[in-house]
Amino acid sequence: MKKYILFLLTNIFIITVHAQISATSINGTWQTVAKDAELTIYNEGNLFFGKITWLKVPGKDDKNPQISLRSRDLVGTVILTNFTFNGRDRWENGKIYDPSGGKTYSCTMKLKEPNKLDIRGYIGISLLGRTEVWTRSSR
């Protein structure tokens, strides 16, 4: 009986957490793992984007494959583009631009908890990628 009650309570907790996630739950400012950058995630209609809003060491986008963009400041650069919310807990079908290497990758985002966001960049299939956990900024 105790196991049954624990099972029910666990499921109720999981359902409650997922019910609280809305499309705009990721909107706000997030800090990278290295704590050397902050990005603001926002939506335009049903699509979600993220731009660099603070860098510990500001610089130019000098690794960008488009020569005309290499002189732009990184602060203000949109690096997360065209994400859609799957209606449950994941933002999908987006791209992430890595200014340190000038590459763009497919990407998904998942809200692990209100202040932890999994960012998974990959090539081809999601198995061939890397996940970072960003933390919601308190600034």
Protein backbone atom coordinates (compact mmCIF):
# COMPACT_ATOMS: atom_id res chain seq x y z
CA MET A 1 0.00 0.00 0.00
CA LYS A 2 2.84 2.43 0.85
CA LYS A 3 4.45 1.77 -2.55
CA TYR A 4 1.14 2.45 -4.28
CA ILE A 5 0.70 5.78 -2.48
CA LEU A 6 4.31 6.77 -3.25
CA PHE A 7 3.73 5.85 -6.90
CA LEU A 8 0.60 8.02 -7.05
CA LEU A 9 2.28 10.98 -5.37
CA THR A 10 5.25 10.75 -7.72
CA ASN A 11 3.00 10.73 -10.78
CA ILE A 12 0.97 13.65 -9.48
CA PHE A 13 4.21 15.61 -8.94
CA ILE A 14 5.42 14.83 -12.47
CA ILE A 15 2.09 15.79 -14.01
CA THR A 16 2.03 19.03 -12.01
CA VAL A 17 5.55 20.00 -13.09
CA HIS A 18 4.78 19.34 -16.76
CA ALA A 19 1.45 21.17 -16.52
CA GLN A 20 3.28 24.31 -15.39
CA ILE A 21 5.50 24.43 -18.49
CA SER A 22 4.20 26.78 -21.14
CA ALA A 23 5.75 27.86 -24.40
CA THR A 24 7.11 31.05 -22.82
CA SER A 25 8.58 29.32 -19.74
CA ILE A 26 12.08 29.67 -21.23
CA ASN A 27 11.78 33.41 -21.87
CA GLY A 28 14.28 35.38 -19.84
CA THR A 29 18.02 35.70 -19.32
CA TRP A 30 20.23 32.62 -19.04
CA GLN A 31 23.87 32.21 -18.02
CA THR A 32 26.18 29.75 -19.77
CA VAL A 33 28.00 26.97 -17.92
CA ALA A 34 31.27 28.90 -17.94
CA LYS A 35 29.45 31.99 -16.59
CA ASP A 36 31.20 34.08 -19.22
CA ALA A 37 28.06 34.96 -21.20
CA GLU A 38 24.37 35.66 -20.77
CA LEU A 39 21.69 35.21 -23.38
CA THR A 40 18.15 36.46 -23.46
CA ILE A 41 15.58 34.05 -24.87
CA TYR A 42 12.41 35.61 -26.26
CA ASN A 43 9.62 34.75 -28.63
CA GLU A 44 8.35 36.39 -31.77
CA GLY A 45 4.94 34.85 -32.37
CA ASN A 46 5.32 31.08 -32.06
CA LEU A 47 9.09 31.07 -32.69
CA PHE A 48 11.80 31.42 -30.05
CA PHE A 49 15.17 33.13 -30.37
CA GLY A 50 18.11 33.93 -28.14
CA LYS A 51 20.65 36.72 -28.33
CA ILE A 52 23.84 37.44 -26.46
CA THR A 53 23.18 40.24 -23.98
CA TRP A 54 26.37 40.16 -21.91
CA LEU A 55 29.91 38.82 -22.33
CA LYS A 56 32.66 38.77 -19.75
CA VAL A 57 35.06 39.65 -22.57
CA PRO A 58 33.19 41.45 -25.38
CA GLY A 59 34.44 40.86 -28.88
CA LYS A 60 33.65 40.66 -32.56
CA ASP A 61 32.13 37.80 -34.54
CA ASP A 62 35.48 37.25 -36.25
CA LYS A 63 34.97 33.51 -36.94
CA ASN A 64 31.70 34.02 -38.82
CA PRO A 65 31.73 32.25 -42.21
CA GLN A 66 30.14 35.37 -43.75
CA ILE A 67 32.99 37.82 -44.11
CA SER A 68 30.62 40.80 -43.95
CA LEU A 69 29.54 39.79 -40.40
CA ARG A 70 33.02 39.39 -38.91
CA SER A 71 33.17 42.99 -37.71
CA ARG A 72 29.85 42.91 -35.80
CA ASP A 73 29.82 42.93 -32.01
CA LEU A 74 28.94 39.61 -30.39
CA VAL A 75 26.77 41.35 -27.81
CA GLY A 76 23.41 41.65 -29.53
CA THR A 77 24.03 38.74 -31.89
CA VAL A 78 21.14 36.28 -32.20
CA ILE A 79 22.59 32.78 -31.78
CA LEU A 80 19.41 30.76 -31.10
CA THR A 81 16.93 30.81 -33.99
CA ASN A 82 13.53 29.47 -35.02
CA PHE A 83 12.66 27.14 -32.13
CA THR A 84 9.12 25.80 -31.80
CA PHE A 85 7.51 24.52 -28.60
CA ASN A 86 6.35 20.90 -28.79
CA GLY A 87 3.46 21.51 -26.40
CA ARG A 88 5.03 19.56 -23.56
CA ASP A 89 8.57 20.26 -22.41
CA ARG A 90 10.86 20.80 -25.40
CA TRP A 91 11.71 23.52 -27.90
CA GLU A 92 12.75 21.93 -31.19
CA ASN A 93 13.71 22.46 -34.82
CA GLY A 94 15.99 25.36 -33.97
CA LYS A 95 19.59 26.25 -34.68
CA ILE A 96 22.41 27.43 -32.45
CA TYR A 97 25.34 29.45 -33.73
CA ASP A 98 28.67 28.96 -31.94
CA PRO A 99 30.62 32.19 -32.41
CA SER A 100 33.83 30.67 -31.00
CA GLY A 101 34.07 28.42 -34.05
CA GLY A 102 31.75 30.09 -36.54
CA LYS A 103 29.58 26.97 -36.89
CA THR A 104 25.81 26.53 -36.74
CA TYR A 105 24.24 23.36 -35.35
CA SER A 106 20.77 21.87 -35.04
CA CYS A 107 19.53 22.35 -31.49
CA THR A 108 16.85 21.44 -28.98
CA MET A 109 16.16 22.99 -25.58
CA LYS A 110 14.48 21.35 -22.62
CA LEU A 111 13.51 22.97 -19.33
CA LYS A 112 14.80 20.59 -16.65
CA GLU A 113 13.44 22.71 -13.82
CA PRO A 114 12.40 26.38 -13.69
CA ASN A 115 16.01 27.61 -13.53
CA LYS A 116 17.89 24.92 -15.50
CA LEU A 117 17.79 24.67 -19.28
CA ASP A 118 19.35 21.84 -21.31
CA ILE A 119 20.78 23.12 -24.59
CA ARG A 120 21.66 20.28 -26.99
CA GLY A 121 23.53 21.17 -30.17
CA TYR A 122 24.10 18.41 -32.70
CA ILE A 123 24.97 17.49 -36.27
CA GLY A 124 22.53 15.28 -38.14
CA ILE A 125 20.95 13.30 -35.32
CA SER A 126 20.65 14.28 -31.67
CA LEU A 127 22.91 11.41 -30.59
CA LEU A 128 25.84 13.17 -32.25
CA GLY A 129 25.95 16.24 -30.10
CA ARG A 130 26.67 17.90 -26.81
CA THR A 131 24.44 19.16 -24.02
CA GLU A 132 25.11 22.12 -21.76
CA VAL A 133 22.97 23.20 -18.83
CA TRP A 134 22.33 26.93 -18.64
CA THR A 135 21.10 28.57 -15.44
CA ARG A 136 18.53 31.33 -15.26
CA SER A 137 20.30 34.58 -14.47
CA SER A 138 19.52 36.49 -11.29
CA ARG A 139 20.73 39.82 -12.70
